[in-house]
Amino acid sequence: MKVIRVPESLDEILSYLDGDSLDEKLVQLVASDLTRRLQVCSDRIVAFEAKYGMEFADFARAWEVGEIPSPSSHQSEADYMEWESLVDEAALLRTQLRKVGQASATPRS
């Protein structure tokens, strides 16, 4: 078990968070942050899907076969890299959220 020092200045703030123990409050905070980050990521992915009218996997296939107009333009390349990164980040965040869910379901001894 790791020991976490919590600044006294946070004691009152922590009392307002959901959870009966500090462990439960920490899990809630981590889950909340991961969820917020996933929402930001998902919103950006949706913007790319609207811009190109397809999901990233379809965009990547179209890119490979030359169906994307001006694939070597700075904007297209930048969009490809950012969109791919967002898809990877969203997958990582979902995995982390599952781990947080498992951690909260596992009793501590």
PDB file of N, CA and C in Angstrom:
ATOM      1  N   MET A   1       0.838  -1.177   0.000  1.00  0.00           N
ATOM      2  CA  MET A   1       0.000   0.000   0.000  1.00  0.00           C
ATOM      3  C   MET A   1       0.880   1.236   0.000  1.00  0.00           C
ATOM      4  N   LYS A   2       0.516   2.199  -0.825  1.00  0.00           N
ATOM      5  CA  LYS A   2       1.235   3.465  -0.880  1.00  0.00           C
ATOM      6  C   LYS A   2       0.604   4.446   0.088  1.00  0.00           C
ATOM      7  N   VAL A   3       1.425   5.305   0.623  1.00  0.00           N
ATOM      8  CA  VAL A   3       0.945   6.353   1.502  1.00  0.00           C
ATOM      9  C   VAL A   3       0.928   7.656   0.713  1.00  0.00           C
ATOM     10  N   ILE A   4      -0.198   8.340   0.780  1.00  0.00           N
ATOM     11  CA  ILE A   4      -0.334   9.616   0.084  1.00  0.00           C
ATOM     12  C   ILE A   4      -0.531  10.702   1.129  1.00  0.00           C
ATOM     13  N   ARG A   5       0.276  11.738   1.038  1.00  0.00           N
ATOM     14  CA  ARG A   5       0.113  12.884   1.938  1.00  0.00           C
ATOM     15  C   ARG A   5      -0.841  13.863   1.289  1.00  0.00           C
ATOM     16  N   VAL A   6      -1.845  14.234   2.029  1.00  0.00           N
ATOM     17  CA  VAL A   6      -2.831  15.187   1.544  1.00  0.00           C
ATOM     18  C   VAL A   6      -2.626  16.494   2.307  1.00  0.00           C
ATOM     19  N   PRO A   7      -2.421  17.584   1.610  1.00  0.00           N
ATOM     20  CA  PRO A   7      -2.252  18.863   2.304  1.00  0.00           C
ATOM     21  C   PRO A   7      -3.486  19.190   3.152  1.00  0.00           C
ATOM     22  N   GLU A   8      -3.236  19.726   4.328  1.00  0.00           N
ATOM     23  CA  GLU A   8      -4.332  20.080   5.220  1.00  0.00           C
ATOM     24  C   GLU A   8      -5.308  21.049   4.553  1.00  0.00           C
ATOM     25  N   SER A   9      -4.803  21.857   3.650  1.00  0.00           N
ATOM     26  CA  SER A   9      -5.661  22.834   2.974  1.00  0.00           C
ATOM     27  C   SER A   9      -6.754  22.164   2.137  1.00  0.00           C
ATOM     28  N   LEU A  10      -6.593  20.866   1.854  1.00  0.00           N
ATOM     29  CA  LEU A  10      -7.589  20.147   1.063  1.00  0.00           C
ATOM     30  C   LEU A  10      -8.601  19.387   1.913  1.00  0.00           C
ATOM     31  N   ASP A  11      -8.384  19.308   3.211  1.00  0.00           N
ATOM     32  CA  ASP A  11      -9.273  18.542   4.083  1.00  0.00           C
ATOM     33  C   ASP A  11     -10.739  18.933   3.909  1.00  0.00           C
ATOM     34  N   GLU A  12     -11.040  20.208   3.968  1.00  0.00           N
ATOM     35  CA  GLU A  12     -12.428  20.652   3.854  1.00  0.00           C
ATOM     36  C   GLU A  12     -12.990  20.340   2.469  1.00  0.00           C
ATOM     37  N   ILE A  13     -12.199  20.562   1.451  1.00  0.00           N
ATOM     38  CA  ILE A  13     -12.648  20.292   0.084  1.00  0.00           C
ATOM     39  C   ILE A  13     -12.936  18.808  -0.089  1.00  0.00           C
ATOM     40  N   LEU A  14     -12.074  17.957   0.429  1.00  0.00           N
ATOM     41  CA  LEU A  14     -12.270  16.509   0.320  1.00  0.00           C
ATOM     42  C   LEU A  14     -13.545  16.059   1.012  1.00  0.00           C
ATOM     43  N   SER A  15     -13.959  16.749   2.035  1.00  0.00           N
ATOM     44  CA  SER A  15     -15.179  16.357   2.748  1.00  0.00           C
ATOM     45  C   SER A  15     -16.416  16.504   1.867  1.00  0.00           C
ATOM     46  N   TYR A  16     -16.348  17.320   0.832  1.00  0.00           N
ATOM     47  CA  TYR A  16     -17.488  17.520  -0.072  1.00  0.00           C
ATOM     48  C   TYR A  16     -17.568  16.470  -1.182  1.00  0.00           C
ATOM     49  N   LEU A  17     -16.508  15.683  -1.345  1.00  0.00           N
ATOM     50  CA  LEU A  17     -16.481  14.688  -2.417  1.00  0.00           C
ATOM     51  C   LEU A  17     -17.232  13.433  -2.013  1.00  0.00           C
ATOM     52  N   ASP A  18     -17.755  12.729  -3.014  1.00  0.00           N
ATOM     53  CA  ASP A  18     -18.405  11.447  -2.767  1.00  0.00           C
ATOM     54  C   ASP A  18     -17.378  10.440  -2.277  1.00  0.00           C
ATOM     55  N   GLY A  19     -17.823   9.546  -1.423  1.00  0.00           N
ATOM     56  CA  GLY A  19     -16.963   8.482  -0.920  1.00  0.00           C
ATOM     57  C   GLY A  19     -16.851   8.556   0.586  1.00  0.00           C
ATOM     58  N   ASP A  20     -16.799   7.380   1.200  1.00  0.00           N
ATOM     59  CA  ASP A  20     -16.704   7.312   2.654  1.00  0.00           C
ATOM     60  C   ASP A  20     -15.263   7.374   3.147  1.00  0.00           C
ATOM     61  N   SER A  21     -14.339   6.940   2.322  1.00  0.00           N
ATOM     62  CA  SER A  21     -12.931   6.915   2.718  1.00  0.00           C
ATOM     63  C   SER A  21     -12.112   7.741   1.730  1.00  0.00           C
ATOM     64  N   LEU A  22     -10.884   8.017   2.127  1.00  0.00           N
ATOM     65  CA  LEU A  22      -9.982   8.747   1.234  1.00  0.00           C
ATOM     66  C   LEU A  22      -9.732   7.948  -0.039  1.00  0.00           C
ATOM     67  N   ASP A  23      -9.632   6.621   0.088  1.00  0.00           N
ATOM     68  CA  ASP A  23      -9.457   5.764  -1.092  1.00  0.00           C
ATOM     69  C   ASP A  23     -10.614   5.945  -2.072  1.00  0.00           C
ATOM     70  N   GLU A  24     -11.836   5.920  -1.556  1.00  0.00           N
ATOM     71  CA  GLU A  24     -13.014   6.071  -2.416  1.00  0.00           C
ATOM     72  C   GLU A  24     -13.038   7.451  -3.062  1.00  0.00           C
ATOM     73  N   LYS A  25     -12.656   8.463  -2.309  1.00  0.00           N
ATOM     74  CA  LYS A  25     -12.623   9.826  -2.854  1.00  0.00           C
ATOM     75  C   LYS A  25     -11.571   9.946  -3.955  1.00  0.00           C
ATOM     76  N   LEU A  26     -10.421   9.304  -3.748  1.00  0.00           N
ATOM     77  CA  LEU A  26      -9.357   9.327  -4.749  1.00  0.00           C
ATOM     78  C   LEU A  26      -9.803   8.627  -6.031  1.00  0.00           C
ATOM     79  N   VAL A  27     -10.458   7.471  -5.891  1.00  0.00           N
ATOM     80  CA  VAL A  27     -10.972   6.751  -7.063  1.00  0.00           C
ATOM     81  C   VAL A  27     -11.973   7.630  -7.798  1.00  0.00           C
ATOM     82  N   GLN A  28     -12.838   8.306  -7.055  1.00  0.00           N
ATOM     83  CA  GLN A  28     -13.844   9.181  -7.674  1.00  0.00           C
ATOM     84  C   GLN A  28     -13.172  10.323  -8.425  1.00  0.00           C
ATOM     85  N   LEU A  29     -12.149  10.919  -7.831  1.00  0.00           N
ATOM     86  CA  LEU A  29     -11.435  12.018  -8.487  1.00  0.00           C
ATOM     87  C   LEU A  29     -10.740  11.562  -9.769  1.00  0.00           C
ATOM     88  N   VAL A  30     -10.081  10.410  -9.699  1.00  0.00           N
ATOM     89  CA  VAL A  30      -9.386   9.879 -10.876  1.00  0.00           C
ATOM     90  C   VAL A  30     -10.396   9.550 -11.972  1.00  0.00           C
ATOM     91  N   ALA A  31     -11.491   8.890 -11.606  1.00  0.00           N
ATOM     92  CA  ALA A  31     -12.515   8.541 -12.597  1.00  0.00           C
ATOM     93  C   ALA A  31     -13.111   9.798 -13.220  1.00  0.00           C
ATOM     94  N   SER A  32     -13.346  10.801 -12.404  1.00  0.00           N
ATOM     95  CA  SER A  32     -13.907  12.053 -12.910  1.00  0.00           C
ATOM     96  C   SER A  32     -12.954  12.730 -13.901  1.00  0.00           C
ATOM     97  N   ASP A  33     -11.670  12.765 -13.567  1.00  0.00           N
ATOM     98  CA  ASP A  33     -10.693  13.383 -14.462  1.00  0.00           C
ATOM     99  C   ASP A  33     -10.563  12.606 -15.766  1.00  0.00           C
ATOM    100  N   LEU A  34     -10.489  11.281 -15.671  1.00  0.00           N
ATOM    101  CA  LEU A  34     -10.395  10.468 -16.883  1.00  0.00           C
ATOM    102  C   LEU A  34     -11.632  10.642 -17.763  1.00  0.00           C
ATOM    103  N   THR A  35     -12.797  10.704 -17.146  1.00  0.00           N
ATOM    104  CA  THR A  35     -14.042  10.890 -17.887  1.00  0.00           C
ATOM    105  C   THR A  35     -14.060  12.240 -18.591  1.00  0.00           C
ATOM    106  N   ARG A  36     -13.616  13.272 -17.890  1.00  0.00           N
ATOM    107  CA  ARG A  36     -13.553  14.618 -18.489  1.00  0.00           C
ATOM    108  C   ARG A  36     -12.588  14.631 -19.675  1.00  0.00           C
ATOM    109  N   ARG A  37     -11.430  14.016 -19.501  1.00  0.00           N
ATOM    110  CA  ARG A  37     -10.446  13.980 -20.584  1.00  0.00           C
ATOM    111  C   ARG A  37     -10.967  13.177 -21.769  1.00  0.00           C
ATOM    112  N   LEU A  38     -11.675  12.074 -21.495  1.00  0.00           N
ATOM    113  CA  LEU A  38     -12.257  11.273 -22.571  1.00  0.00           C
ATOM    114  C   LEU A  38     -13.311  12.080 -23.320  1.00  0.00           C
ATOM    115  N   GLN A  39     -14.091  12.877 -22.620  1.00  0.00           N
ATOM    116  CA  GLN A  39     -15.115  13.689 -23.276  1.00  0.00           C
ATOM    117  C   GLN A  39     -14.482  14.735 -24.196  1.00  0.00           C
ATOM    118  N   VAL A  40     -13.432  15.384 -23.739  1.00  0.00           N
ATOM    119  CA  VAL A  40     -12.725  16.365 -24.576  1.00  0.00           C
ATOM    120  C   VAL A  40     -12.170  15.681 -25.823  1.00  0.00           C
ATOM    121  N   CYS A  41     -11.556  14.535 -25.623  1.00  0.00           N
ATOM    122  CA  CYS A  41     -10.990  13.757 -26.730  1.00  0.00           C
ATOM    123  C   CYS A  41     -12.092  13.348 -27.710  1.00  0.00           C
ATOM    124  N   SER A  42     -13.191  12.833 -27.180  1.00  0.00           N
ATOM    125  CA  SER A  42     -14.307  12.382 -28.022  1.00  0.00           C
ATOM    126  C   SER A  42     -14.911  13.533 -28.812  1.00  0.00           C
ATOM    127  N   ASP A  43     -15.023  14.692 -28.186  1.00  0.00           N
ATOM    128  CA  ASP A  43     -15.553  15.871 -28.887  1.00  0.00           C
ATOM    129  C   ASP A  43     -14.670  16.241 -30.071  1.00  0.00           C
ATOM    130  N   ARG A  44     -13.369  16.156 -29.892  1.00  0.00           N
ATOM    131  CA  ARG A  44     -12.445  16.482 -30.977  1.00  0.00           C
ATOM    132  C   ARG A  44     -12.523  15.431 -32.090  1.00  0.00           C
ATOM    133  N   ILE A  45     -12.689  14.168 -31.707  1.00  0.00           N
ATOM    134  CA  ILE A  45     -12.843  13.100 -32.706  1.00  0.00           C
ATOM    135  C   ILE A  45     -14.110  13.333 -33.515  1.00  0.00           C
ATOM    136  N   VAL A  46     -15.205  13.672 -32.849  1.00  0.00           N
ATOM    137  CA  VAL A  46     -16.473  13.933 -33.542  1.00  0.00           C
ATOM    138  C   VAL A  46     -16.310  15.090 -34.524  1.00  0.00           C
ATOM    139  N   ALA A  47     -15.534  16.095 -34.165  1.00  0.00           N
ATOM    140  CA  ALA A  47     -15.305  17.224 -35.078  1.00  0.00           C
ATOM    141  C   ALA A  47     -14.590  16.757 -36.347  1.00  0.00           C
ATOM    142  N   PHE A  48     -13.602  15.876 -36.206  1.00  0.00           N
ATOM    143  CA  PHE A  48     -12.924  15.329 -37.389  1.00  0.00           C
ATOM    144  C   PHE A  48     -13.876  14.466 -38.211  1.00  0.00           C
ATOM    145  N   GLU A  49     -14.695  13.658 -37.539  1.00  0.00           N
ATOM    146  CA  GLU A  49     -15.655  12.820 -38.262  1.00  0.00           C
ATOM    147  C   GLU A  49     -16.636  13.679 -39.051  1.00  0.00           C
ATOM    148  N   ALA A  50     -17.050  14.792 -38.484  1.00  0.00           N
ATOM    149  CA  ALA A  50     -17.963  15.701 -39.195  1.00  0.00           C
ATOM    150  C   ALA A  50     -17.240  16.363 -40.373  1.00  0.00           C
ATOM    151  N   LYS A  51     -16.000  16.739 -40.153  1.00  0.00           N
ATOM    152  CA  LYS A  51     -15.224  17.411 -41.204  1.00  0.00           C
ATOM    153  C   LYS A  51     -15.021  16.505 -42.413  1.00  0.00           C
ATOM    154  N   TYR A  52     -14.728  15.235 -42.175  1.00  0.00           N
ATOM    155  CA  TYR A  52     -14.415  14.311 -43.256  1.00  0.00           C
ATOM    156  C   TYR A  52     -15.546  13.342 -43.596  1.00  0.00           C
ATOM    157  N   GLY A  53     -16.600  13.344 -42.791  1.00  0.00           N
ATOM    158  CA  GLY A  53     -17.757  12.500 -43.081  1.00  0.00           C
ATOM    159  C   GLY A  53     -17.505  11.016 -42.905  1.00  0.00           C
ATOM    160  N   MET A  54     -16.566  10.668 -42.024  1.00  0.00           N
ATOM    161  CA  MET A  54     -16.259   9.254 -41.796  1.00  0.00           C
ATOM    162  C   MET A  54     -15.492   9.115 -40.486  1.00  0.00           C
ATOM    163  N   GLU A  55     -15.404   7.867 -40.009  1.00  0.00           N
ATOM    164  CA  GLU A  55     -14.594   7.569 -38.834  1.00  0.00           C
ATOM    165  C   GLU A  55     -13.130   7.463 -39.241  1.00  0.00           C
ATOM    166  N   PHE A  56     -12.242   7.494 -38.234  1.00  0.00           N
ATOM    167  CA  PHE A  56     -10.814   7.499 -38.539  1.00  0.00           C
ATOM    168  C   PHE A  56     -10.372   6.265 -39.319  1.00  0.00           C
ATOM    169  N   ALA A  57     -10.862   5.078 -38.957  1.00  0.00           N
ATOM    170  CA  ALA A  57     -10.441   3.853 -39.659  1.00  0.00           C
ATOM    171  C   ALA A  57     -10.745   3.956 -41.152  1.00  0.00           C
ATOM    172  N   ASP A  58     -11.914   4.506 -41.488  1.00  0.00           N
ATOM    173  CA  ASP A  58     -12.269   4.689 -42.907  1.00  0.00           C
ATOM    174  C   ASP A  58     -11.397   5.760 -43.553  1.00  0.00           C
ATOM    175  N   PHE A  59     -11.111   6.820 -42.807  1.00  0.00           N
ATOM    176  CA  PHE A  59     -10.240   7.885 -43.303  1.00  0.00           C
ATOM    177  C   PHE A  59      -8.844   7.333 -43.596  1.00  0.00           C
ATOM    178  N   ALA A  60      -8.317   6.523 -42.683  1.00  0.00           N
ATOM    179  CA  ALA A  60      -6.977   5.954 -42.869  1.00  0.00           C
ATOM    180  C   ALA A  60      -6.933   5.051 -44.099  1.00  0.00           C
ATOM    181  N   ARG A  61      -7.987   4.246 -44.294  1.00  0.00           N
ATOM    182  CA  ARG A  61      -8.045   3.391 -45.494  1.00  0.00           C
ATOM    183  C   ARG A  61      -8.118   4.248 -46.760  1.00  0.00           C
ATOM    184  N   ALA A  62      -8.951   5.272 -46.742  1.00  0.00           N
ATOM    185  CA  ALA A  62      -9.083   6.166 -47.900  1.00  0.00           C
ATOM    186  C   ALA A  62      -7.757   6.877 -48.172  1.00  0.00           C
ATOM    187  N   TRP A  63      -7.061   7.239 -47.123  1.00  0.00           N
ATOM    188  CA  TRP A  63      -5.748   7.893 -47.252  1.00  0.00           C
ATOM    189  C   TRP A  63      -4.777   6.954 -47.968  1.00  0.00           C
ATOM    190  N   GLU A  64      -4.763   5.698 -47.545  1.00  0.00           N
ATOM    191  CA  GLU A  64      -3.827   4.720 -48.105  1.00  0.00           C
ATOM    192  C   GLU A  64      -4.077   4.467 -49.592  1.00  0.00           C
ATOM    193  N   VAL A  65      -5.317   4.504 -50.030  1.00  0.00           N
ATOM    194  CA  VAL A  65      -5.626   4.214 -51.438  1.00  0.00           C
ATOM    195  C   VAL A  65      -5.759   5.478 -52.280  1.00  0.00           C
ATOM    196  N   GLY A  66      -5.441   6.635 -51.681  1.00  0.00           N
ATOM    197  CA  GLY A  66      -5.419   7.879 -52.437  1.00  0.00           C
ATOM    198  C   GLY A  66      -6.773   8.516 -52.684  1.00  0.00           C
ATOM    199  N   GLU A  67      -7.748   8.225 -51.837  1.00  0.00           N
ATOM    200  CA  GLU A  67      -9.081   8.806 -52.013  1.00  0.00           C
ATOM    201  C   GLU A  67      -9.278  10.124 -51.254  1.00  0.00           C
ATOM    202  N   ILE A  68      -8.272  10.527 -50.488  1.00  0.00           N
ATOM    203  CA  ILE A  68      -8.364  11.793 -49.755  1.00  0.00           C
ATOM    204  C   ILE A  68      -7.748  12.882 -50.632  1.00  0.00           C
ATOM    205  N   PRO A  69      -8.523  13.936 -50.911  1.00  0.00           N
ATOM    206  CA  PRO A  69      -7.979  15.033 -51.726  1.00  0.00           C
ATOM    207  C   PRO A  69      -6.787  15.693 -51.026  1.00  0.00           C
ATOM    208  N   SER A  70      -5.758  15.951 -51.749  1.00  0.00           N
ATOM    209  CA  SER A  70      -4.541  16.610 -51.239  1.00  0.00           C
ATOM    210  C   SER A  70      -4.008  15.956 -49.962  1.00  0.00           C
ATOM    211  N   PRO A  71      -3.736  14.658 -50.012  1.00  0.00           N
ATOM    212  CA  PRO A  71      -3.284  13.987 -48.793  1.00  0.00           C
ATOM    213  C   PRO A  71      -1.942  14.496 -48.267  1.00  0.00           C
ATOM    214  N   SER A  72      -1.142  15.079 -49.130  1.00  0.00           N
ATOM    215  CA  SER A  72       0.162  15.566 -48.676  1.00  0.00           C
ATOM    216  C   SER A  72       0.140  17.032 -48.266  1.00  0.00           C
ATOM    217  N   SER A  73      -1.052  17.639 -48.261  1.00  0.00           N
ATOM    218  CA  SER A  73      -1.116  19.029 -47.804  1.00  0.00           C
ATOM    219  C   SER A  73      -0.855  19.065 -46.302  1.00  0.00           C
ATOM    220  N   HIS A  74      -0.353  20.204 -45.855  1.00  0.00           N
ATOM    221  CA  HIS A  74      -0.056  20.346 -44.425  1.00  0.00           C
ATOM    222  C   HIS A  74      -1.300  20.076 -43.573  1.00  0.00           C
ATOM    223  N   GLN A  75      -2.439  20.611 -43.979  1.00  0.00           N
ATOM    224  CA  GLN A  75      -3.671  20.448 -43.200  1.00  0.00           C
ATOM    225  C   GLN A  75      -4.105  18.986 -43.121  1.00  0.00           C
ATOM    226  N   SER A  76      -4.072  18.285 -44.248  1.00  0.00           N
ATOM    227  CA  SER A  76      -4.473  16.873 -44.263  1.00  0.00           C
ATOM    228  C   SER A  76      -3.546  16.026 -43.400  1.00  0.00           C
ATOM    229  N   GLU A  77      -2.251  16.264 -43.524  1.00  0.00           N
ATOM    230  CA  GLU A  77      -1.298  15.502 -42.724  1.00  0.00           C
ATOM    231  C   GLU A  77      -1.449  15.817 -41.242  1.00  0.00           C
ATOM    232  N   ALA A  78      -1.634  17.084 -40.912  1.00  0.00           N
ATOM    233  CA  ALA A  78      -1.815  17.474 -39.508  1.00  0.00           C
ATOM    234  C   ALA A  78      -3.092  16.857 -38.945  1.00  0.00           C
ATOM    235  N   ASP A  79      -4.172  16.891 -39.727  1.00  0.00           N
ATOM    236  CA  ASP A  79      -5.429  16.286 -39.285  1.00  0.00           C
ATOM    237  C   ASP A  79      -5.262  14.790 -39.062  1.00  0.00           C
ATOM    238  N   TYR A  80      -4.577  14.120 -39.989  1.00  0.00           N
ATOM    239  CA  TYR A  80      -4.360  12.683 -39.869  1.00  0.00           C
ATOM    240  C   TYR A  80      -3.634  12.370 -38.554  1.00  0.00           C
ATOM    241  N   MET A  81      -2.539  13.062 -38.312  1.00  0.00           N
ATOM    242  CA  MET A  81      -1.743  12.785 -37.114  1.00  0.00           C
ATOM    243  C   MET A  81      -2.517  13.092 -35.837  1.00  0.00           C
ATOM    244  N   GLU A  82      -3.214  14.220 -35.810  1.00  0.00           N
ATOM    245  CA  GLU A  82      -3.965  14.568 -34.603  1.00  0.00           C
ATOM    246  C   GLU A  82      -5.118  13.601 -34.368  1.00  0.00           C
ATOM    247  N   TRP A  83      -5.849  13.289 -35.429  1.00  0.00           N
ATOM    248  CA  TRP A  83      -7.002  12.390 -35.329  1.00  0.00           C
ATOM    249  C   TRP A  83      -6.554  11.005 -34.855  1.00  0.00           C
ATOM    250  N   GLU A  84      -5.474  10.498 -35.455  1.00  0.00           N
ATOM    251  CA  GLU A  84      -4.952   9.194 -35.045  1.00  0.00           C
ATOM    252  C   GLU A  84      -4.552   9.220 -33.570  1.00  0.00           C
ATOM    253  N   SER A  85      -3.898  10.279 -33.155  1.00  0.00           N
ATOM    254  CA  SER A  85      -3.488  10.431 -31.767  1.00  0.00           C
ATOM    255  C   SER A  85      -4.693  10.472 -30.828  1.00  0.00           C
ATOM    256  N   LEU A  86      -5.745  11.165 -31.238  1.00  0.00           N
ATOM    257  CA  LEU A  86      -6.960  11.244 -30.427  1.00  0.00           C
ATOM    258  C   LEU A  86      -7.630   9.882 -30.284  1.00  0.00           C
ATOM    259  N   VAL A  87      -7.663   9.114 -31.361  1.00  0.00           N
ATOM    260  CA  VAL A  87      -8.253   7.775 -31.317  1.00  0.00           C
ATOM    261  C   VAL A  87      -7.453   6.892 -30.349  1.00  0.00           C
ATOM    262  N   ASP A  88      -6.132   6.974 -30.426  1.00  0.00           N
ATOM    263  CA  ASP A  88      -5.278   6.197 -29.515  1.00  0.00           C
ATOM    264  C   ASP A  88      -5.467   6.646 -28.068  1.00  0.00           C
ATOM    265  N   GLU A  89      -5.528   7.957 -27.861  1.00  0.00           N
ATOM    266  CA  GLU A  89      -5.717   8.497 -26.514  1.00  0.00           C
ATOM    267  C   GLU A  89      -7.067   8.069 -25.938  1.00  0.00           C
ATOM    268  N   ALA A  90      -8.116   8.112 -26.749  1.00  0.00           N
ATOM    269  CA  ALA A  90      -9.444   7.701 -26.279  1.00  0.00           C
ATOM    270  C   ALA A  90      -9.430   6.236 -25.860  1.00  0.00           C
ATOM    271  N   ALA A  91      -8.757   5.393 -26.614  1.00  0.00           N
ATOM    272  CA  ALA A  91      -8.664   3.971 -26.260  1.00  0.00           C
ATOM    273  C   ALA A  91      -7.920   3.796 -24.938  1.00  0.00           C
ATOM    274  N   LEU A  92      -6.839   4.528 -24.757  1.00  0.00           N
ATOM    275  CA  LEU A  92      -6.080   4.461 -23.509  1.00  0.00           C
ATOM    276  C   LEU A  92      -6.927   4.935 -22.330  1.00  0.00           C
ATOM    277  N   LEU A  93      -7.649   6.033 -22.505  1.00  0.00           N
ATOM    278  CA  LEU A  93      -8.492   6.556 -21.433  1.00  0.00           C
ATOM    279  C   LEU A  93      -9.600   5.577 -21.059  1.00  0.00           C
ATOM    280  N   ARG A  94     -10.187   4.905 -22.057  1.00  0.00           N
ATOM    281  CA  ARG A  94     -11.215   3.897 -21.769  1.00  0.00           C
ATOM    282  C   ARG A  94     -10.621   2.734 -20.966  1.00  0.00           C
ATOM    283  N   THR A  95      -9.418   2.314 -21.331  1.00  0.00           N
ATOM    284  CA  THR A  95      -8.734   1.249 -20.591  1.00  0.00           C
ATOM    285  C   THR A  95      -8.478   1.682 -19.152  1.00  0.00           C
ATOM    286  N   GLN A  96      -8.006   2.910 -18.977  1.00  0.00           N
ATOM    287  CA  GLN A  96      -7.745   3.413 -17.634  1.00  0.00           C
ATOM    288  C   GLN A  96      -9.034   3.508 -16.816  1.00  0.00           C
ATOM    289  N   LEU A  97     -10.112   3.923 -17.443  1.00  0.00           N
ATOM    290  CA  LEU A  97     -11.400   3.982 -16.739  1.00  0.00           C
ATOM    291  C   LEU A  97     -11.859   2.595 -16.301  1.00  0.00           C
ATOM    292  N   ARG A  98     -11.651   1.586 -17.143  1.00  0.00           N
ATOM    293  CA  ARG A  98     -11.991   0.210 -16.754  1.00  0.00           C
ATOM    294  C   ARG A  98     -11.163  -0.215 -15.542  1.00  0.00           C
ATOM    295  N   LYS A  99      -9.877   0.131 -15.539  1.00  0.00           N
ATOM    296  CA  LYS A  99      -9.015  -0.206 -14.410  1.00  0.00           C
ATOM    297  C   LYS A  99      -9.485   0.485 -13.132  1.00  0.00           C
ATOM    298  N   VAL A 100      -9.891   1.730 -13.248  1.00  0.00           N
ATOM    299  CA  VAL A 100     -10.405   2.455 -12.083  1.00  0.00           C
ATOM    300  C   VAL A 100     -11.673   1.774 -11.574  1.00  0.00           C
ATOM    301  N   GLY A 101     -12.524   1.342 -12.493  1.00  0.00           N
ATOM    302  CA  GLY A 101     -13.736   0.633 -12.100  1.00  0.00           C
ATOM    303  C   GLY A 101     -13.422  -0.669 -11.396  1.00  0.00           C
ATOM    304  N   GLN A 102     -12.415  -1.373 -11.880  1.00  0.00           N
ATOM    305  CA  GLN A 102     -12.003  -2.624 -11.239  1.00  0.00           C
ATOM    306  C   GLN A 102     -11.389  -2.360  -9.873  1.00  0.00           C
ATOM    307  N   ALA A 103     -10.615  -1.281  -9.787  1.00  0.00           N
ATOM    308  CA  ALA A 103      -9.984  -0.946  -8.508  1.00  0.00           C
ATOM    309  C   ALA A 103     -11.024  -0.589  -7.462  1.00  0.00           C
ATOM    310  N   SER A 104     -12.069   0.103  -7.887  1.00  0.00           N
ATOM    311  CA  SER A 104     -13.089   0.502  -6.913  1.00  0.00           C
ATOM    312  C   SER A 104     -13.932  -0.693  -6.475  1.00  0.00           C
ATOM    313  N   ALA A 105     -13.972  -1.737  -7.305  1.00  0.00           N
ATOM    314  CA  ALA A 105     -14.758  -2.926  -6.959  1.00  0.00           C
ATOM    315  C   ALA A 105     -13.949  -3.927  -6.136  1.00  0.00           C
ATOM    316  N   THR A 106     -12.624  -3.731  -6.092  1.00  0.00           N
ATOM    317  CA  THR A 106     -11.756  -4.649  -5.362  1.00  0.00           C
ATOM    318  C   THR A 106     -11.605  -4.158  -3.929  1.00  0.00           C
ATOM    319  N   PRO A 107     -12.035  -4.958  -2.961  1.00  0.00           N
ATOM    320  CA  PRO A 107     -11.886  -4.546  -1.568  1.00  0.00           C
ATOM    321  C   PRO A 107     -10.409  -4.472  -1.173  1.00  0.00           C
ATOM    322  N   ARG A 108     -10.074  -3.488  -0.383  1.00  0.00           N
ATOM    323  CA  ARG A 108      -8.703  -3.340   0.099  1.00  0.00           C
ATOM    324  C   ARG A 108      -8.582  -3.998   1.470  1.00  0.00           C
ATOM    325  N   SER A 109      -7.401  -4.575   1.703  1.00  0.00           N
ATOM    326  CA  SER A 109      -7.202  -5.186   3.011  1.00  0.00           C
ATOM    327  C   SER A 109      -6.271  -4.350   3.860  1.00  0.00           C
TER     328      SER A 109
END
